[in-house]
Structure formats: structure tokens, C-alpha cells
């Protein structure tokens, strides 16, 4: 479970079309590209919070959650957990 998963609303799932769109956008991306996209998504969450835009915040949180999971998966592929 990623950090964003821990803070993501447990009662609301990510829209499948959002997940599919994000996955398409970063398909085949390097770890560094995923890290950059995840960082940008984090900034989008902060911007939406500061702007008090609930709809934008939910979209940004979903996008960030997908990217963080993809980054975690890429990290595990590069450095498999021991044990």
C-alpha cells in the first residue's frame, strides 16, 4: 500500500477510465519519468486544495494515487524486495 492509498478515501474507488487514461499516458515510461509525473501530480493535489476546488481535488488525488502505484511497481521491478 502506498502513502497516498493510506490517505485516499476508502469508500470511493478510482474511476476505471481515470486509471486507464493515466496508464496510457505513461505507458513504457522510465522510472524517472514516472517519478516526475508523480511529483507533478502531487503539486496538482496541492493546487486543488489551495483553490478549494473539490472536483479538481478528487481528480488530482485519483491521478496521484495511480501514478504513485505505478512508481511503486516500477521501483519493485528495479529493486525487488528481499525475502
C-alpha atoms as a PDB file:
ATOM      1  CA  UNK A   1       0.000   0.000   0.000  1.00  0.00           C
ATOM      2  CA  UNK A   2       1.368   3.406  -0.949  1.00  0.00           C
ATOM      3  CA  UNK A   3       1.235   6.541   1.183  1.00  0.00           C
ATOM      4  CA  UNK A   4      -1.469   8.077  -0.983  1.00  0.00           C
ATOM      5  CA  UNK A   5      -3.514   4.874  -0.663  1.00  0.00           C
ATOM      6  CA  UNK A   6      -3.433   5.319   3.106  1.00  0.00           C
ATOM      7  CA  UNK A   7      -4.924   8.794   2.776  1.00  0.00           C
ATOM      8  CA  UNK A   8      -7.242   8.089  -0.143  1.00  0.00           C
ATOM      9  CA  UNK A   9     -10.933   7.823   0.696  1.00  0.00           C
ATOM     10  CA  UNK A  10     -11.541   4.146   1.445  1.00  0.00           C
ATOM     11  CA  UNK A  11     -15.184   4.420   0.424  1.00  0.00           C
ATOM     12  CA  UNK A  12     -14.524   5.786  -3.059  1.00  0.00           C
ATOM     13  CA  UNK A  13     -12.681   3.891  -5.719  1.00  0.00           C
ATOM     14  CA  UNK A  14     -10.726   5.379  -8.576  1.00  0.00           C
ATOM     15  CA  UNK A  15     -12.759   5.623 -11.764  1.00  0.00           C
ATOM     16  CA  UNK A  16     -11.574   2.933 -14.211  1.00  0.00           C
ATOM     17  CA  UNK A  17     -11.412   5.475 -17.040  1.00  0.00           C
ATOM     18  CA  UNK A  18      -9.097   7.688 -14.965  1.00  0.00           C
ATOM     19  CA  UNK A  19      -6.783   4.788 -14.228  1.00  0.00           C
ATOM     20  CA  UNK A  20      -6.801   3.708 -17.886  1.00  0.00           C
ATOM     21  CA  UNK A  21      -6.047   7.251 -19.075  1.00  0.00           C
ATOM     22  CA  UNK A  22      -3.116   7.694 -16.678  1.00  0.00           C
ATOM     23  CA  UNK A  23      -1.718   4.286 -17.572  1.00  0.00           C
ATOM     24  CA  UNK A  24      -1.930   5.162 -21.300  1.00  0.00           C
ATOM     25  CA  UNK A  25      -0.174   8.482 -20.728  1.00  0.00           C
ATOM     26  CA  UNK A  26       2.832   6.885 -19.033  1.00  0.00           C
ATOM     27  CA  UNK A  27       2.943   3.536 -20.842  1.00  0.00           C
ATOM     28  CA  UNK A  28       6.560   2.497 -21.292  1.00  0.00           C
ATOM     29  CA  UNK A  29       7.868   5.436 -19.261  1.00  0.00           C
ATOM     30  CA  UNK A  30      11.140   5.152 -17.410  1.00  0.00           C
ATOM     31  CA  UNK A  31      11.292   5.203 -13.626  1.00  0.00           C
ATOM     32  CA  UNK A  32      12.478   8.824 -13.797  1.00  0.00           C
ATOM     33  CA  UNK A  33       9.534   9.834 -16.000  1.00  0.00           C
ATOM     34  CA  UNK A  34       7.131   8.135 -13.572  1.00  0.00           C
ATOM     35  CA  UNK A  35       8.776   9.913 -10.655  1.00  0.00           C
ATOM     36  CA  UNK A  36       8.439  13.241 -12.453  1.00  0.00           C
ATOM     37  CA  UNK A  37       4.787  12.629 -13.317  1.00  0.00           C
ATOM     38  CA  UNK A  38       4.077  11.595  -9.711  1.00  0.00           C
ATOM     39  CA  UNK A  39       5.720  14.768  -8.420  1.00  0.00           C
ATOM     40  CA  UNK A  40       3.675  16.897 -10.821  1.00  0.00           C
ATOM     41  CA  UNK A  41       0.522  15.092  -9.697  1.00  0.00           C
ATOM     42  CA  UNK A  42       1.403  15.860  -6.075  1.00  0.00           C
ATOM     43  CA  UNK A  43       1.676  19.547  -6.944  1.00  0.00           C
ATOM     44  CA  UNK A  44      -1.713  19.354  -8.690  1.00  0.00           C
ATOM     45  CA  UNK A  45      -3.220  17.974  -5.459  1.00  0.00           C
ATOM     46  CA  UNK A  46      -1.715  20.876  -3.503  1.00  0.00           C
ATOM     47  CA  UNK A  47      -3.004  23.412  -6.053  1.00  0.00           C
ATOM     48  CA  UNK A  48      -6.520  21.964  -5.951  1.00  0.00           C
ATOM     49  CA  UNK A  49      -6.504  22.050  -2.137  1.00  0.00           C
ATOM     50  CA  UNK A  50      -5.376  25.663  -2.090  1.00  0.00           C
ATOM     51  CA  UNK A  51      -8.012  26.526  -4.690  1.00  0.00           C
ATOM     52  CA  UNK A  52     -10.767  24.880  -2.643  1.00  0.00           C
ATOM     53  CA  UNK A  53     -11.913  23.050  -5.779  1.00  0.00           C
ATOM     54  CA  UNK A  54     -13.351  19.745  -4.544  1.00  0.00           C
ATOM     55  CA  UNK A  55     -13.882  18.247  -8.009  1.00  0.00           C
ATOM     56  CA  UNK A  56     -10.346  19.087  -9.101  1.00  0.00           C
ATOM     57  CA  UNK A  57      -9.024  17.737  -5.806  1.00  0.00           C
ATOM     58  CA  UNK A  58     -10.736  14.372  -6.292  1.00  0.00           C
ATOM     59  CA  UNK A  59      -9.417  14.096  -9.852  1.00  0.00           C
ATOM     60  CA  UNK A  60      -5.921  15.081  -8.709  1.00  0.00           C
ATOM     61  CA  UNK A  61      -5.973  12.583  -5.830  1.00  0.00           C
ATOM     62  CA  UNK A  62      -7.056   9.795  -8.177  1.00  0.00           C
ATOM     63  CA  UNK A  63      -4.353  10.647 -10.704  1.00  0.00           C
ATOM     64  CA  UNK A  64      -1.734  10.854  -7.968  1.00  0.00           C
ATOM     65  CA  UNK A  65      -2.813   7.510  -6.493  1.00  0.00           C
ATOM     66  CA  UNK A  66      -2.483   5.760  -9.864  1.00  0.00           C
ATOM     67  CA  UNK A  67       0.913   7.311 -10.556  1.00  0.00           C
ATOM     68  CA  UNK A  68       2.204   6.506  -7.087  1.00  0.00           C
ATOM     69  CA  UNK A  69       1.188   2.865  -7.511  1.00  0.00           C
ATOM     70  CA  UNK A  70       2.870   2.718 -10.919  1.00  0.00           C
ATOM     71  CA  UNK A  71       6.018   4.240  -9.456  1.00  0.00           C
ATOM     72  CA  UNK A  72       5.996   1.722  -6.593  1.00  0.00           C
ATOM     73  CA  UNK A  73       5.594  -1.135  -9.083  1.00  0.00           C
ATOM     74  CA  UNK A  74       8.486   0.188 -11.195  1.00  0.00           C
ATOM     75  CA  UNK A  75      10.649   0.533  -8.089  1.00  0.00           C
ATOM     76  CA  UNK A  76       9.896  -3.057  -7.075  1.00  0.00           C
ATOM     77  CA  UNK A  77      10.852  -4.257 -10.551  1.00  0.00           C
ATOM     78  CA  UNK A  78      14.183  -2.429 -10.356  1.00  0.00           C
ATOM     79  CA  UNK A  79      14.862  -3.366  -6.735  1.00  0.00           C
ATOM     80  CA  UNK A  80      12.842  -6.445  -5.818  1.00  0.00           C
ATOM     81  CA  UNK A  81      12.096  -6.761  -2.097  1.00  0.00           C
ATOM     82  CA  UNK A  82      14.339  -9.273  -0.371  1.00  0.00           C
ATOM     83  CA  UNK A  83      12.875 -12.241   1.341  1.00  0.00           C
END
